[in-house]
Amino acid sequence: AREVLIEKNMGLVHHIVRRFIGRGCEMDDLLQIG
């Protein structure tokens, strides 16, 4: 159930991560933290 929830909400994580692009960190790293 946890994995399904994460998968269903990864779009939200991507959306928020885009706010922090350009601060010296790779997007993949930010996605993991998000």
All heavy atoms as atom14 arrays in JSON, in Angstrom:
{
  "sequence": "AREVLIEKNMGLVHHIVRRFIGRGCEMDDLLQIG",
  "atom14_mask": [
    [1, 1, 1, 1, 1, 0, 0, 0, 0, 0, 0, 0, 0, 0],
    [1, 1, 1, 1, 1, 1, 1, 1, 1, 1, 1, 0, 0, 0],
    [1, 1, 1, 1, 1, 1, 1, 1, 1, 0, 0, 0, 0, 0],
    [1, 1, 1, 1, 1, 1, 1, 0, 0, 0, 0, 0, 0, 0],
    [1, 1, 1, 1, 1, 1, 1, 1, 0, 0, 0, 0, 0, 0],
    [1, 1, 1, 1, 1, 1, 1, 1, 0, 0, 0, 0, 0, 0],
    [1, 1, 1, 1, 1, 1, 1, 1, 1, 0, 0, 0, 0, 0],
    [1, 1, 1, 1, 1, 1, 1, 1, 1, 0, 0, 0, 0, 0],
    [1, 1, 1, 1, 1, 1, 1, 1, 0, 0, 0, 0, 0, 0],
    [1, 1, 1, 1, 1, 1, 1, 1, 0, 0, 0, 0, 0, 0],
    [1, 1, 1, 1, 0, 0, 0, 0, 0, 0, 0, 0, 0, 0],
    [1, 1, 1, 1, 1, 1, 1, 1, 0, 0, 0, 0, 0, 0],
    [1, 1, 1, 1, 1, 1, 1, 0, 0, 0, 0, 0, 0, 0],
    [1, 1, 1, 1, 1, 1, 1, 1, 1, 1, 0, 0, 0, 0],
    [1, 1, 1, 1, 1, 1, 1, 1, 1, 1, 0, 0, 0, 0],
    [1, 1, 1, 1, 1, 1, 1, 1, 0, 0, 0, 0, 0, 0],
    [1, 1, 1, 1, 1, 1, 1, 0, 0, 0, 0, 0, 0, 0],
    [1, 1, 1, 1, 1, 1, 1, 1, 1, 1, 1, 0, 0, 0],
    [1, 1, 1, 1, 1, 1, 1, 1, 1, 1, 1, 0, 0, 0],
    [1, 1, 1, 1, 1, 1, 1, 1, 1, 1, 1, 0, 0, 0],
    [1, 1, 1, 1, 1, 1, 1, 1, 0, 0, 0, 0, 0, 0],
    [1, 1, 1, 1, 0, 0, 0, 0, 0, 0, 0, 0, 0, 0],
    [1, 1, 1, 1, 1, 1, 1, 1, 1, 1, 1, 0, 0, 0],
    [1, 1, 1, 1, 0, 0, 0, 0, 0, 0, 0, 0, 0, 0],
    [1, 1, 1, 1, 1, 1, 0, 0, 0, 0, 0, 0, 0, 0],
    [1, 1, 1, 1, 1, 1, 1, 1, 1, 0, 0, 0, 0, 0],
    [1, 1, 1, 1, 1, 1, 1, 1, 0, 0, 0, 0, 0, 0],
    [1, 1, 1, 1, 1, 1, 1, 1, 0, 0, 0, 0, 0, 0],
    [1, 1, 1, 1, 1, 1, 1, 1, 0, 0, 0, 0, 0, 0],
    [1, 1, 1, 1, 1, 1, 1, 1, 0, 0, 0, 0, 0, 0],
    [1, 1, 1, 1, 1, 1, 1, 1, 0, 0, 0, 0, 0, 0],
    [1, 1, 1, 1, 1, 1, 1, 1, 1, 0, 0, 0, 0, 0],
    [1, 1, 1, 1, 1, 1, 1, 1, 0, 0, 0, 0, 0, 0],
    [1, 1, 1, 1, 0, 0, 0, 0, 0, 0, 0, 0, 0, 0]
  ],
  "atom14_positions": [
    [[0.84, -1.2, 0.0], [0.0, 0.0, 0.0], [0.87, 1.25, 0.0], [0.57, 2.25, -0.68], [-0.92, -0.01, 1.22], [0.0, 0.0, 0.0], [0.0, 0.0, 0.0], [0.0, 0.0, 0.0], [0.0, 0.0, 0.0], [0.0, 0.0, 0.0], [0.0, 0.0, 0.0], [0.0, 0.0, 0.0], [0.0, 0.0, 0.0], [0.0, 0.0, 0.0]],
    [[1.96, 1.19, 0.74], [2.89, 2.33, 0.81], [3.5, 2.61, -0.57], [3.59, 3.76, -1.0], [3.98, 2.0, 1.83], [4.97, 3.14, 2.12], [6.01, 2.62, 3.08], [6.97, 3.62, 3.47], [6.81, 4.49, 4.47], [5.7, 4.48, 5.17], [7.76, 5.37, 4.77], [0.0, 0.0, 0.0], [0.0, 0.0, 0.0], [0.0, 0.0, 0.0]],
    [[3.89, 1.55, -1.26], [4.5, 1.7, -2.58], [3.51, 2.28, -3.59], [3.87, 3.1, -4.44], [5.03, 0.35, -3.07], [6.24, -0.14, -2.27], [6.69, -1.53, -2.68], [5.94, -2.19, -3.45], [7.78, -1.95, -2.26], [0.0, 0.0, 0.0], [0.0, 0.0, 0.0], [0.0, 0.0, 0.0], [0.0, 0.0, 0.0], [0.0, 0.0, 0.0]],
    [[2.24, 1.85, -3.48], [1.21, 2.38, -4.38], [1.0, 3.88, -4.12], [0.89, 4.67, -5.05], [-0.12, 1.62, -4.19], [-1.25, 2.32, -4.96], [0.02, 0.19, -4.67], [0.0, 0.0, 0.0], [0.0, 0.0, 0.0], [0.0, 0.0, 0.0], [0.0, 0.0, 0.0], [0.0, 0.0, 0.0], [0.0, 0.0, 0.0], [0.0, 0.0, 0.0]],
    [[0.96, 4.25, -2.85], [0.78, 5.67, -2.49], [1.93, 6.52, -3.02], [1.72, 7.63, -3.53], [0.68, 5.81, -0.97], [-0.68, 5.49, -0.34], [-0.55, 5.42, 1.17], [-1.71, 6.55, -0.73], [0.0, 0.0, 0.0], [0.0, 0.0, 0.0], [0.0, 0.0, 0.0], [0.0, 0.0, 0.0], [0.0, 0.0, 0.0], [0.0, 0.0, 0.0]],
    [[3.14, 6.0, -2.88], [4.31, 6.73, -3.37], [4.22, 6.92, -4.87], [4.44, 8.02, -5.4], [5.62, 6.01, -2.98], [5.81, 6.05, -1.46], [6.81, 6.64, -3.69], [6.96, 5.21, -0.96], [0.0, 0.0, 0.0], [0.0, 0.0, 0.0], [0.0, 0.0, 0.0], [0.0, 0.0, 0.0], [0.0, 0.0, 0.0], [0.0, 0.0, 0.0]],
    [[3.88, 5.85, -5.57], [3.78, 5.9, -7.03], [2.7, 6.89, -7.48], [2.91, 7.68, -8.41], [3.47, 4.51, -7.59], [3.41, 4.46, -9.11], [3.12, 3.06, -9.63], [3.11, 2.11, -8.82], [2.91, 2.93, -10.85], [0.0, 0.0, 0.0], [0.0, 0.0, 0.0], [0.0, 0.0, 0.0], [0.0, 0.0, 0.0], [0.0, 0.0, 0.0]],
    [[1.57, 6.88, -6.78], [0.46, 7.75, -7.15], [0.77, 9.22, -6.9], [0.15, 10.11, -7.51], [-0.8, 7.35, -6.37], [-1.51, 6.11, -6.87], [-2.74, 5.81, -6.03], [-3.54, 4.67, -6.6], [-4.19, 5.03, -7.89], [0.0, 0.0, 0.0], [0.0, 0.0, 0.0], [0.0, 0.0, 0.0], [0.0, 0.0, 0.0], [0.0, 0.0, 0.0]],
    [[1.7, 9.5, -5.99], [1.99, 10.89, -5.61], [3.34, 11.39, -6.1], [3.76, 12.48, -5.7], [1.89, 11.04, -4.1], [0.47, 10.98, -3.59], [-0.27, 11.96, -3.63], [0.05, 9.81, -3.11], [0.0, 0.0, 0.0], [0.0, 0.0, 0.0], [0.0, 0.0, 0.0], [0.0, 0.0, 0.0], [0.0, 0.0, 0.0], [0.0, 0.0, 0.0]],
    [[4.02, 10.62, -6.93], [5.31, 11.07, -7.43], [5.19, 12.3, -8.32], [6.1, 13.12, -8.42], [6.01, 9.95, -8.2], [6.71, 8.94, -7.3], [7.83, 9.69, -6.08], [9.08, 10.42, -7.16], [0.0, 0.0, 0.0], [0.0, 0.0, 0.0], [0.0, 0.0, 0.0], [0.0, 0.0, 0.0], [0.0, 0.0, 0.0], [0.0, 0.0, 0.0]],
    [[4.02, 12.47, -8.96], [3.79, 13.67, -9.76], [3.86, 14.92, -8.9], [4.39, 15.95, -9.31], [0.0, 0.0, 0.0], [0.0, 0.0, 0.0], [0.0, 0.0, 0.0], [0.0, 0.0, 0.0], [0.0, 0.0, 0.0], [0.0, 0.0, 0.0], [0.0, 0.0, 0.0], [0.0, 0.0, 0.0], [0.0, 0.0, 0.0], [0.0, 0.0, 0.0]],
    [[3.33, 14.82, -7.68], [3.38, 15.94, -6.74], [4.81, 16.23, -6.33], [5.22, 17.39, -6.25], [2.53, 15.6, -5.51], [2.48, 16.66, -4.4], [1.85, 17.95, -4.91], [1.69, 16.13, -3.2], [0.0, 0.0, 0.0], [0.0, 0.0, 0.0], [0.0, 0.0, 0.0], [0.0, 0.0, 0.0], [0.0, 0.0, 0.0], [0.0, 0.0, 0.0]],
    [[5.59, 15.18, -6.09], [7.0, 15.35, -5.73], [7.76, 16.04, -6.87], [8.52, 16.98, -6.64], [7.66, 13.99, -5.41], [9.15, 14.18, -5.11], [6.98, 13.34, -4.21], [0.0, 0.0, 0.0], [0.0, 0.0, 0.0], [0.0, 0.0, 0.0], [0.0, 0.0, 0.0], [0.0, 0.0, 0.0], [0.0, 0.0, 0.0], [0.0, 0.0, 0.0]],
    [[7.53, 15.59, -8.1], [8.17, 16.22, -9.26], [7.81, 17.7, -9.34], [8.66, 18.55, -9.63], [7.73, 15.52, -10.55], [8.52, 14.29, -10.88], [9.65, 14.32, -11.65], [8.32, 13.0, -10.53], [10.14, 13.1, -11.77], [9.36, 12.27, -11.1], [0.0, 0.0, 0.0], [0.0, 0.0, 0.0], [0.0, 0.0, 0.0], [0.0, 0.0, 0.0]],
    [[6.54, 17.99, -9.11], [6.05, 19.38, -9.19], [6.79, 20.26, -8.19], [7.19, 21.39, -8.51], [4.55, 19.4, -8.91], [3.95, 20.78, -8.91], [3.72, 21.49, -10.08], [3.55, 21.59, -7.9], [3.2, 22.67, -9.79], [3.09, 22.75, -8.46], [0.0, 0.0, 0.0], [0.0, 0.0, 0.0], [0.0, 0.0, 0.0], [0.0, 0.0, 0.0]],
    [[6.97, 19.78, -6.98], [7.64, 20.57, -5.94], [9.13, 20.66, -6.2], [9.73, 21.73, -6.03], [7.37, 19.94, -4.56], [5.88, 20.03, -4.22], [8.2, 20.64, -3.47], [5.47, 19.26, -2.99], [0.0, 0.0, 0.0], [0.0, 0.0, 0.0], [0.0, 0.0, 0.0], [0.0, 0.0, 0.0], [0.0, 0.0, 0.0], [0.0, 0.0, 0.0]],
    [[9.74, 19.57, -6.64], [11.17, 19.56, -6.91], [11.56, 20.61, -7.94], [12.62, 21.24, -7.85], [11.62, 18.15, -7.37], [12.99, 18.21, -8.07], [11.69, 17.2, -6.18], [0.0, 0.0, 0.0], [0.0, 0.0, 0.0], [0.0, 0.0, 0.0], [0.0, 0.0, 0.0], [0.0, 0.0, 0.0], [0.0, 0.0, 0.0], [0.0, 0.0, 0.0]],
    [[10.69, 20.83, -8.93], [11.0, 21.82, -9.97], [11.21, 23.21, -9.38], [11.91, 24.04, -9.97], [9.88, 21.84, -11.02], [9.93, 20.66, -11.98], [9.09, 20.93, -13.22], [7.67, 20.95, -12.91], [6.87, 19.89, -12.94], [7.37, 18.7, -13.25], [5.59, 20.0, -12.66], [0.0, 0.0, 0.0], [0.0, 0.0, 0.0], [0.0, 0.0, 0.0]],
    [[10.62, 23.46, -8.2], [10.81, 24.76, -7.54], [12.25, 24.95, -7.06], [12.68, 26.07, -6.79], [9.87, 24.87, -6.34], [8.39, 24.78, -6.69], [7.91, 26.07, -7.27], [6.47, 26.09, -7.42], [5.79, 27.12, -7.9], [6.44, 28.2, -8.28], [4.48, 27.07, -8.03], [0.0, 0.0, 0.0], [0.0, 0.0, 0.0], [0.0, 0.0, 0.0]],
    [[12.97, 23.85, -6.91], [14.31, 23.92, -6.3], [15.43, 23.61, -7.29], [16.59, 23.5, -6.89], [14.38, 22.93, -5.13], [13.43, 23.24, -4.01], [12.17, 22.66, -3.98], [13.77, 24.14, -3.01], [11.27, 22.95, -2.96], [12.88, 24.43, -1.99], [11.63, 23.84, -1.96], [0.0, 0.0, 0.0], [0.0, 0.0, 0.0], [0.0, 0.0, 0.0]],
    [[15.09, 23.5, -8.57], [16.11, 23.24, -9.59], [17.03, 24.46, -9.71], [16.6, 25.6, -9.59], [15.44, 22.96, -10.95], [14.63, 21.65, -10.89], [16.49, 22.86, -12.05], [15.45, 20.43, -10.55], [0.0, 0.0, 0.0], [0.0, 0.0, 0.0], [0.0, 0.0, 0.0], [0.0, 0.0, 0.0], [0.0, 0.0, 0.0], [0.0, 0.0, 0.0]],
    [[18.31, 24.22, -9.96], [19.25, 25.31, -10.13], [19.95, 25.73, -8.86], [20.54, 26.8, -8.8], [0.0, 0.0, 0.0], [0.0, 0.0, 0.0], [0.0, 0.0, 0.0], [0.0, 0.0, 0.0], [0.0, 0.0, 0.0], [0.0, 0.0, 0.0], [0.0, 0.0, 0.0], [0.0, 0.0, 0.0], [0.0, 0.0, 0.0], [0.0, 0.0, 0.0]],
    [[19.9, 24.88, -7.84], [20.55, 25.22, -6.57], [21.75, 24.32, -6.29], [22.13, 24.11, -5.15], [19.55, 25.15, -5.43], [18.36, 26.08, -5.63], [17.57, 26.28, -4.38], [16.39, 27.1, -4.62], [15.61, 27.57, -3.68], [15.9, 27.32, -2.41], [14.55, 28.3, -3.97], [0.0, 0.0, 0.0], [0.0, 0.0, 0.0], [0.0, 0.0, 0.0]],
    [[22.31, 23.77, -7.38], [23.54, 23.0, -7.22], [23.34, 21.52, -6.96], [24.32, 20.82, -6.67], [0.0, 0.0, 0.0], [0.0, 0.0, 0.0], [0.0, 0.0, 0.0], [0.0, 0.0, 0.0], [0.0, 0.0, 0.0], [0.0, 0.0, 0.0], [0.0, 0.0, 0.0], [0.0, 0.0, 0.0], [0.0, 0.0, 0.0], [0.0, 0.0, 0.0]],
    [[22.11, 21.02, -7.04], [21.86, 19.6, -6.8], [21.17, 18.97, -8.01], [20.38, 19.62, -8.69], [20.97, 19.42, -5.56], [21.78, 19.86, -4.02], [0.0, 0.0, 0.0], [0.0, 0.0, 0.0], [0.0, 0.0, 0.0], [0.0, 0.0, 0.0], [0.0, 0.0, 0.0], [0.0, 0.0, 0.0], [0.0, 0.0, 0.0], [0.0, 0.0, 0.0]],
    [[21.51, 17.71, -8.25], [20.89, 16.98, -9.35], [19.42, 16.73, -9.03], [19.03, 16.55, -7.87], [21.6, 15.64, -9.56], [23.04, 15.76, -10.01], [23.18, 16.36, -11.39], [22.23, 16.18, -12.21], [24.2, 17.0, -11.67], [0.0, 0.0, 0.0], [0.0, 0.0, 0.0], [0.0, 0.0, 0.0], [0.0, 0.0, 0.0], [0.0, 0.0, 0.0]],
    [[18.6, 16.68, -10.08], [17.17, 16.47, -9.91], [16.89, 15.12, -9.26], [15.98, 15.0, -8.42], [16.44, 16.57, -11.24], [14.92, 16.5, -11.11], [14.09, 16.93, -12.64], [12.37, 16.84, -12.11], [0.0, 0.0, 0.0], [0.0, 0.0, 0.0], [0.0, 0.0, 0.0], [0.0, 0.0, 0.0], [0.0, 0.0, 0.0], [0.0, 0.0, 0.0]],
    [[17.66, 14.11, -9.63], [17.45, 12.78, -9.05], [17.65, 12.8, -7.53], [16.9, 12.14, -6.79], [18.41, 11.75, -9.67], [18.01, 11.38, -11.09], [16.87, 11.69, -11.47], [18.84, 10.79, -11.8], [0.0, 0.0, 0.0], [0.0, 0.0, 0.0], [0.0, 0.0, 0.0], [0.0, 0.0, 0.0], [0.0, 0.0, 0.0], [0.0, 0.0, 0.0]],
    [[18.64, 13.57, -7.07], [18.88, 13.68, -5.63], [17.7, 14.37, -4.94], [17.25, 13.95, -3.87], [20.17, 14.46, -5.36], [21.41, 13.71, -5.83], [21.35, 12.47, -5.85], [22.4, 14.37, -6.15], [0.0, 0.0, 0.0], [0.0, 0.0, 0.0], [0.0, 0.0, 0.0], [0.0, 0.0, 0.0], [0.0, 0.0, 0.0], [0.0, 0.0, 0.0]],
    [[17.21, 15.44, -5.58], [16.08, 16.16, -5.01], [14.83, 15.29, -4.97], [14.03, 15.37, -4.03], [15.82, 17.44, -5.79], [16.93, 18.51, -5.76], [16.53, 19.71, -6.62], [17.2, 18.96, -4.33], [0.0, 0.0, 0.0], [0.0, 0.0, 0.0], [0.0, 0.0, 0.0], [0.0, 0.0, 0.0], [0.0, 0.0, 0.0], [0.0, 0.0, 0.0]],
    [[14.67, 14.47, -6.0], [13.51, 13.57, -6.05], [13.57, 12.55, -4.92], [12.55, 12.23, -4.3], [13.44, 12.86, -7.4], [12.96, 13.69, -8.58], [13.12, 12.93, -9.89], [11.49, 14.08, -8.39], [0.0, 0.0, 0.0], [0.0, 0.0, 0.0], [0.0, 0.0, 0.0], [0.0, 0.0, 0.0], [0.0, 0.0, 0.0], [0.0, 0.0, 0.0]],
    [[14.76, 12.06, -4.64], [14.92, 11.1, -3.53], [14.58, 11.75, -2.2], [13.88, 11.17, -1.36], [16.34, 10.57, -3.51], [16.68, 9.63, -4.67], [18.1, 9.1, -4.59], [18.72, 9.15, -3.53], [18.61, 8.61, -5.7], [0.0, 0.0, 0.0], [0.0, 0.0, 0.0], [0.0, 0.0, 0.0], [0.0, 0.0, 0.0], [0.0, 0.0, 0.0]],
    [[15.06, 12.98, -2.0], [14.78, 13.69, -0.76], [13.29, 14.02, -0.66], [12.67, 13.89, 0.4], [15.61, 14.99, -0.67], [17.11, 14.67, -0.74], [15.28, 15.74, 0.6], [17.58, 13.76, 0.37], [0.0, 0.0, 0.0], [0.0, 0.0, 0.0], [0.0, 0.0, 0.0], [0.0, 0.0, 0.0], [0.0, 0.0, 0.0], [0.0, 0.0, 0.0]],
    [[12.72, 14.47, -1.78], [11.29, 14.77, -1.8], [10.44, 13.55, -1.5], [9.4, 13.65, -0.83], [0.0, 0.0, 0.0], [0.0, 0.0, 0.0], [0.0, 0.0, 0.0], [0.0, 0.0, 0.0], [0.0, 0.0, 0.0], [0.0, 0.0, 0.0], [0.0, 0.0, 0.0], [0.0, 0.0, 0.0], [0.0, 0.0, 0.0], [0.0, 0.0, 0.0]]
  ]
}
